[in-house]
Amino acid sequence: MTGKNVWVASFAAAVVIAIVLQLAGSPSVAANDQSSAANAEVKIDNFSFGPQTVTVPVGATVTWTNRDDIPHTVVSTDGLFNSKVRDTDEKFSYTFAKAGTYPYYCSVHPKMTGKVVVQ
């Protein structure tokens, strides 16, 4: 390659890199702009829901997994959702369509309580 060709190739590479960097910072391709809802996991263990309060956006799905060796349920106090009895490692999921605060409990062990806050 001659000196001129090396300069042109270097300049072209610099332009390509600048364009790629510009596009990477562009809001139209930023990963944060994807419309997927943030989902949440709640573990049932040692007769408690953990975390006890979960905050999610509208449209998110919360999944409860029973890690206890005792059966449990997940029942909202307002009747919005009501799982069947879940044995060890069984799951229950619910997708929240509206903003609000949704307290819940285990119907087998009513002192077990939790809350989902949907924003």
C-alpha atoms as a PDB file:
ATOM      1  CA  MET A   1       0.000   0.000   0.000  1.00  0.00           C
ATOM      2  CA  THR A   2       1.182   3.451  -0.765  1.00  0.00           C
ATOM      3  CA  GLY A   3       1.142   6.256   1.766  1.00  0.00           C
ATOM      4  CA  LYS A   4      -2.013   7.704   0.226  1.00  0.00           C
ATOM      5  CA  ASN A   5      -3.841   4.327   0.351  1.00  0.00           C
ATOM      6  CA  VAL A   6      -2.861   3.790   3.998  1.00  0.00           C
ATOM      7  CA  TRP A   7      -4.178   7.264   4.855  1.00  0.00           C
ATOM      8  CA  VAL A   8      -7.483   6.618   3.010  1.00  0.00           C
ATOM      9  CA  ALA A   9      -7.902   3.203   4.674  1.00  0.00           C
ATOM     10  CA  SER A  10      -7.175   4.689   8.110  1.00  0.00           C
ATOM     11  CA  PHE A  11      -9.580   7.563   7.504  1.00  0.00           C
ATOM     12  CA  ALA A  12     -12.306   5.169   6.309  1.00  0.00           C
ATOM     13  CA  ALA A  13     -11.821   2.987   9.385  1.00  0.00           C
ATOM     14  CA  ALA A  14     -12.028   6.037  11.657  1.00  0.00           C
ATOM     15  CA  VAL A  15     -15.273   7.140   9.957  1.00  0.00           C
ATOM     16  CA  VAL A  16     -16.794   3.669  10.368  1.00  0.00           C
ATOM     17  CA  ILE A  17     -15.825   3.577  14.053  1.00  0.00           C
ATOM     18  CA  ALA A  18     -17.267   7.068  14.597  1.00  0.00           C
ATOM     19  CA  ILE A  19     -20.559   6.040  12.957  1.00  0.00           C
ATOM     20  CA  VAL A  20     -20.776   2.858  15.024  1.00  0.00           C
ATOM     21  CA  LEU A  21     -20.101   4.786  18.233  1.00  0.00           C
ATOM     22  CA  GLN A  22     -22.690   7.400  17.287  1.00  0.00           C
ATOM     23  CA  LEU A  23     -25.321   4.733  16.604  1.00  0.00           C
ATOM     24  CA  ALA A  24     -24.503   2.915  19.828  1.00  0.00           C
ATOM     25  CA  GLY A  25     -25.291   6.071  21.785  1.00  0.00           C
ATOM     26  CA  SER A  26     -28.422   6.837  19.782  1.00  0.00           C
ATOM     27  CA  PRO A  27     -31.713   6.538  21.674  1.00  0.00           C
ATOM     28  CA  SER A  28     -33.220   4.640  18.768  1.00  0.00           C
ATOM     29  CA  VAL A  29     -31.019   1.628  19.493  1.00  0.00           C
ATOM     30  CA  ALA A  30     -30.467   1.928  23.236  1.00  0.00           C
ATOM     31  CA  ALA A  31     -31.283  -1.246  25.154  1.00  0.00           C
ATOM     32  CA  ASN A  32     -33.291   0.738  27.730  1.00  0.00           C
ATOM     33  CA  ASP A  33     -35.867   1.627  25.083  1.00  0.00           C
ATOM     34  CA  GLN A  34     -37.075  -1.930  24.642  1.00  0.00           C
ATOM     35  CA  SER A  35     -40.675  -2.311  25.754  1.00  0.00           C
ATOM     36  CA  SER A  36     -40.301  -5.547  27.717  1.00  0.00           C
ATOM     37  CA  ALA A  37     -41.714  -5.473  31.241  1.00  0.00           C
ATOM     38  CA  ALA A  38     -39.472  -6.187  34.213  1.00  0.00           C
ATOM     39  CA  ASN A  39     -40.561  -9.413  35.846  1.00  0.00           C
ATOM     40  CA  ALA A  40     -39.992 -10.372  39.473  1.00  0.00           C
ATOM     41  CA  GLU A  41     -39.378 -13.543  41.456  1.00  0.00           C
ATOM     42  CA  VAL A  42     -40.600 -14.197  44.986  1.00  0.00           C
ATOM     43  CA  LYS A  43     -39.309 -17.182  46.935  1.00  0.00           C
ATOM     44  CA  ILE A  44     -41.472 -18.908  49.511  1.00  0.00           C
ATOM     45  CA  ASP A  45     -39.167 -20.293  52.172  1.00  0.00           C
ATOM     46  CA  ASN A  46     -39.168 -20.806  55.932  1.00  0.00           C
ATOM     47  CA  PHE A  47     -42.805 -19.694  56.147  1.00  0.00           C
ATOM     48  CA  SER A  48     -42.179 -16.321  54.513  1.00  0.00           C
ATOM     49  CA  PHE A  49     -42.317 -14.535  51.157  1.00  0.00           C
ATOM     50  CA  GLY A  50     -39.001 -13.058  50.066  1.00  0.00           C
ATOM     51  CA  PRO A  51     -38.762 -10.310  49.286  1.00  0.00           C
ATOM     52  CA  GLN A  52     -41.854  -9.366  51.260  1.00  0.00           C
ATOM     53  CA  THR A  53     -42.517  -6.332  49.014  1.00  0.00           C
ATOM     54  CA  VAL A  54     -41.878  -6.349  45.261  1.00  0.00           C
ATOM     55  CA  THR A  55     -42.156  -3.242  43.064  1.00  0.00           C
ATOM     56  CA  VAL A  56     -42.747  -3.797  39.331  1.00  0.00           C
ATOM     57  CA  PRO A  57     -44.015  -1.816  36.323  1.00  0.00           C
ATOM     58  CA  VAL A  58     -47.473  -2.301  34.834  1.00  0.00           C
ATOM     59  CA  GLY A  59     -47.453  -5.403  32.625  1.00  0.00           C
ATOM     60  CA  ALA A  60     -44.863  -7.264  34.705  1.00  0.00           C
ATOM     61  CA  THR A  61     -45.267 -10.876  35.740  1.00  0.00           C
ATOM     62  CA  VAL A  62     -44.479 -11.920  39.299  1.00  0.00           C
ATOM     63  CA  THR A  63     -43.605 -15.572  39.855  1.00  0.00           C
ATOM     64  CA  TRP A  64     -43.723 -17.169  43.284  1.00  0.00           C
ATOM     65  CA  THR A  65     -41.715 -20.378  43.809  1.00  0.00           C
ATOM     66  CA  ASN A  66     -42.280 -22.567  46.846  1.00  0.00           C
ATOM     67  CA  ARG A  67     -38.825 -23.488  48.191  1.00  0.00           C
ATOM     68  CA  ASP A  68     -40.304 -24.679  51.482  1.00  0.00           C
ATOM     69  CA  ASP A  69     -40.974 -28.337  52.224  1.00  0.00           C
ATOM     70  CA  ILE A  70     -44.498 -27.381  53.309  1.00  0.00           C
ATOM     71  CA  PRO A  71     -47.370 -26.551  50.879  1.00  0.00           C
ATOM     72  CA  HIS A  72     -48.327 -22.869  50.489  1.00  0.00           C
ATOM     73  CA  THR A  73     -50.682 -20.660  48.479  1.00  0.00           C
ATOM     74  CA  VAL A  74     -50.537 -17.122  47.107  1.00  0.00           C
ATOM     75  CA  VAL A  75     -53.868 -15.283  47.533  1.00  0.00           C
ATOM     76  CA  SER A  76     -54.498 -11.565  47.024  1.00  0.00           C
ATOM     77  CA  THR A  77     -56.589  -9.911  49.718  1.00  0.00           C
ATOM     78  CA  ASP A  78     -58.861  -8.369  47.060  1.00  0.00           C
ATOM     79  CA  GLY A  79     -59.474 -11.657  45.193  1.00  0.00           C
ATOM     80  CA  LEU A  80     -57.474 -10.651  42.107  1.00  0.00           C
ATOM     81  CA  PHE A  81     -55.389 -13.834  42.138  1.00  0.00           C
ATOM     82  CA  ASN A  82     -55.608 -17.101  44.045  1.00  0.00           C
ATOM     83  CA  SER A  83     -53.167 -19.933  43.501  1.00  0.00           C
ATOM     84  CA  LYS A  84     -53.858 -23.565  44.157  1.00  0.00           C
ATOM     85  CA  VAL A  85     -51.772 -25.188  46.881  1.00  0.00           C
ATOM     86  CA  ARG A  86     -48.148 -25.284  45.695  1.00  0.00           C
ATOM     87  CA  ASP A  87     -45.812 -28.026  46.834  1.00  0.00           C
ATOM     88  CA  THR A  88     -42.006 -27.780  46.964  1.00  0.00           C
ATOM     89  CA  ASP A  89     -40.521 -26.221  43.797  1.00  0.00           C
ATOM     90  CA  GLU A  90     -43.938 -25.513  42.259  1.00  0.00           C
ATOM     91  CA  LYS A  91     -44.568 -22.044  40.842  1.00  0.00           C
ATOM     92  CA  PHE A  92     -47.435 -19.609  40.494  1.00  0.00           C
ATOM     93  CA  SER A  93     -47.333 -16.534  38.238  1.00  0.00           C
ATOM     94  CA  TYR A  94     -49.569 -13.517  37.790  1.00  0.00           C
ATOM     95  CA  THR A  95     -49.275 -10.602  35.342  1.00  0.00           C
ATOM     96  CA  PHE A  96     -50.275  -7.200  36.742  1.00  0.00           C
ATOM     97  CA  ALA A  97     -52.202  -5.069  34.244  1.00  0.00           C
ATOM     98  CA  LYS A  98     -52.991  -2.062  36.457  1.00  0.00           C
ATOM     99  CA  ALA A  99     -51.017   0.155  38.804  1.00  0.00           C
ATOM    100  CA  GLY A 100     -51.745  -0.259  42.491  1.00  0.00           C
ATOM    101  CA  THR A 101     -50.738  -2.017  45.681  1.00  0.00           C
ATOM    102  CA  TYR A 102     -51.683  -5.668  45.955  1.00  0.00           C
ATOM    103  CA  PRO A 103     -51.320  -7.289  49.395  1.00  0.00           C
ATOM    104  CA  TYR A 104     -51.380 -11.090  49.498  1.00  0.00           C
ATOM    105  CA  TYR A 105     -51.045 -13.977  51.956  1.00  0.00           C
ATOM    106  CA  CYS A 106     -50.853 -17.757  52.223  1.00  0.00           C
ATOM    107  CA  SER A 107     -54.319 -19.177  52.916  1.00  0.00           C
ATOM    108  CA  VAL A 108     -52.770 -22.211  54.636  1.00  0.00           C
ATOM    109  CA  HIS A 109     -50.622 -19.965  56.886  1.00  0.00           C
ATOM    110  CA  PRO A 110     -52.413 -16.558  57.041  1.00  0.00           C
ATOM    111  CA  LYS A 111     -49.589 -14.912  59.022  1.00  0.00           C
ATOM    112  CA  MET A 112     -47.438 -15.200  55.877  1.00  0.00           C
ATOM    113  CA  THR A 113     -47.981 -11.943  54.009  1.00  0.00           C
ATOM    114  CA  GLY A 114     -46.454  -9.983  51.165  1.00  0.00           C
ATOM    115  CA  LYS A 115     -47.172  -7.092  48.841  1.00  0.00           C
ATOM    116  CA  VAL A 116     -46.760  -6.285  45.143  1.00  0.00           C
ATOM    117  CA  VAL A 117     -46.537  -2.601  44.246  1.00  0.00           C
ATOM    118  CA  VAL A 118     -47.272  -1.933  40.562  1.00  0.00           C
ATOM    119  CA  GLN A 119     -46.226   1.474  39.211  1.00  0.00           C
END
